Amino acid sequence: MAKSFAVRLVLVMVLSLMSVVSVSVHASQGKLPPQFSADKDYHTNVAKAREMLQARSNYQVTNIKASVQEGKKYLEVKAYKGASEYEIKLDYPNLKIVKENKIGK
């Protein structure tokens, strides 16, 4: 039992590190939508979103992507809670959850 917990913990840590790198890559490669690229608080707000989801709902965030739909800004988040994967949409910059869907089983 302790071994499987350790394996899951390592997996979560690796996925969390990958998501931090993913957000940095989006910004450094200019893949942010223009509405986000001028926002000096973007990286701070992404960190706040990650912390909020981990603290409030015990999500392990794996990816955060900026998007614009119908002129509104959002952060689209992929995360795990236990063994279940979720897609979460946060209004930006207030970071309120506007959509939360469990993926698959």
Protein backbone atom coordinates (compact mmCIF):
# COMPACT_ATOMS: atom_id res chain seq x y z
CA MET A 1 0.00 0.00 0.00
CA ALA A 2 2.78 2.43 0.89
CA LYS A 3 4.53 1.64 -2.41
CA SER A 4 1.44 2.45 -4.50
CA PHE A 5 0.97 5.72 -2.59
CA ALA A 6 4.59 6.64 -3.25
CA VAL A 7 4.18 5.85 -6.95
CA ARG A 8 1.04 8.01 -7.15
CA LEU A 9 2.79 10.83 -5.30
CA VAL A 10 5.71 10.75 -7.74
CA LEU A 11 3.28 10.72 -10.68
CA VAL A 12 1.43 13.76 -9.32
CA MET A 13 4.71 15.60 -8.76
CA VAL A 14 5.88 14.85 -12.31
CA LEU A 15 2.54 15.94 -13.80
CA SER A 16 2.60 19.16 -11.76
CA LEU A 17 6.11 19.94 -12.96
CA MET A 18 5.07 19.25 -16.56
CA SER A 19 2.20 21.73 -16.27
CA VAL A 20 4.49 24.48 -14.95
CA VAL A 21 6.78 23.89 -17.91
CA SER A 22 3.76 23.83 -20.25
CA VAL A 23 2.54 27.25 -19.08
CA SER A 24 6.04 28.70 -19.43
CA VAL A 25 6.41 27.26 -22.94
CA HIS A 26 3.09 28.77 -24.07
CA ALA A 27 4.22 32.20 -22.92
CA SER A 28 7.77 31.93 -24.26
CA GLN A 29 6.68 30.70 -27.69
CA GLY A 30 4.11 33.44 -28.10
CA LYS A 31 1.19 31.02 -28.06
CA LEU A 32 -0.84 33.12 -25.65
CA PRO A 33 -3.87 34.74 -27.25
CA PRO A 34 -3.23 38.46 -27.86
CA GLN A 35 -5.71 39.36 -25.11
CA PHE A 36 -3.39 37.68 -22.57
CA SER A 37 0.04 38.59 -23.91
CA ALA A 38 -0.11 42.16 -22.59
CA ASP A 39 -1.39 41.07 -19.15
CA LYS A 40 1.49 41.55 -16.72
CA ASP A 41 -0.39 39.56 -14.07
CA TYR A 42 -0.97 36.49 -16.26
CA HIS A 43 1.65 34.24 -14.64
CA THR A 44 0.63 35.37 -11.15
CA ASN A 45 -3.02 34.59 -11.93
CA VAL A 46 -2.12 31.16 -13.33
CA ALA A 47 -0.23 30.38 -10.11
CA LYS A 48 -3.23 31.59 -8.07
CA ALA A 49 -5.58 29.38 -10.11
CA ARG A 50 -3.37 26.34 -9.52
CA GLU A 51 -3.12 27.04 -5.78
CA MET A 52 -6.87 27.69 -5.46
CA LEU A 53 -7.83 24.43 -7.19
CA GLN A 54 -5.35 22.42 -5.15
CA ALA A 55 -6.39 23.97 -1.83
CA ARG A 56 -10.16 24.14 -2.34
CA SER A 57 -10.90 20.93 -4.21
CA ASN A 58 -7.70 18.89 -3.84
CA TYR A 59 -7.13 18.91 -7.61
CA GLN A 60 -3.71 18.03 -9.01
CA VAL A 61 -3.41 20.43 -11.94
CA THR A 62 -1.63 19.07 -15.00
CA ASN A 63 -2.17 21.80 -17.60
CA ILE A 64 -3.44 25.37 -17.81
CA LYS A 65 -4.16 27.03 -21.15
CA ALA A 66 -5.38 30.56 -21.87
CA SER A 67 -8.34 30.88 -24.23
CA VAL A 68 -10.73 33.50 -25.54
CA GLN A 69 -14.32 32.61 -26.43
CA GLU A 70 -16.86 35.14 -27.62
CA GLY A 71 -14.56 37.93 -26.45
CA LYS A 72 -14.28 36.58 -22.89
CA LYS A 73 -11.02 35.37 -21.38
CA TYR A 74 -10.75 31.97 -19.68
CA LEU A 75 -8.20 29.59 -18.26
CA GLU A 76 -8.84 26.01 -19.35
CA VAL A 77 -7.49 23.58 -16.79
CA LYS A 78 -6.85 19.84 -16.90
CA ALA A 79 -6.55 18.26 -13.46
CA TYR A 80 -6.89 15.05 -11.52
CA LYS A 81 -8.78 14.39 -8.32
CA GLY A 82 -7.89 10.91 -7.14
CA ALA A 83 -7.90 8.70 -10.23
CA SER A 84 -10.45 10.86 -12.12
CA GLU A 85 -9.51 13.46 -14.73
CA TYR A 86 -11.38 16.77 -14.97
CA GLU A 87 -11.64 19.69 -17.37
CA ILE A 88 -12.24 22.97 -15.59
CA LYS A 89 -12.90 26.39 -17.10
CA LEU A 90 -12.10 29.47 -15.01
CA ASP A 91 -13.29 32.98 -15.80
CA TYR A 92 -10.28 35.26 -16.15
CA PRO A 93 -9.01 37.22 -14.24
CA ASN A 94 -11.42 36.61 -11.32
CA LEU A 95 -10.75 32.81 -11.46
CA LYS A 96 -14.33 31.74 -10.75
CA ILE A 97 -15.17 28.22 -11.89
CA VAL A 98 -17.65 28.44 -14.77
CA LYS A 99 -17.45 24.81 -15.90
CA GLU A 100 -16.24 21.59 -14.28
CA ASN A 101 -16.50 18.26 -16.13
CA LYS A 102 -15.29 14.80 -15.21
CA ILE A 103 -13.66 13.11 -18.19
CA GLY A 104 -14.26 9.44 -18.92
CA LYS A 105 -15.19 7.00 -16.18
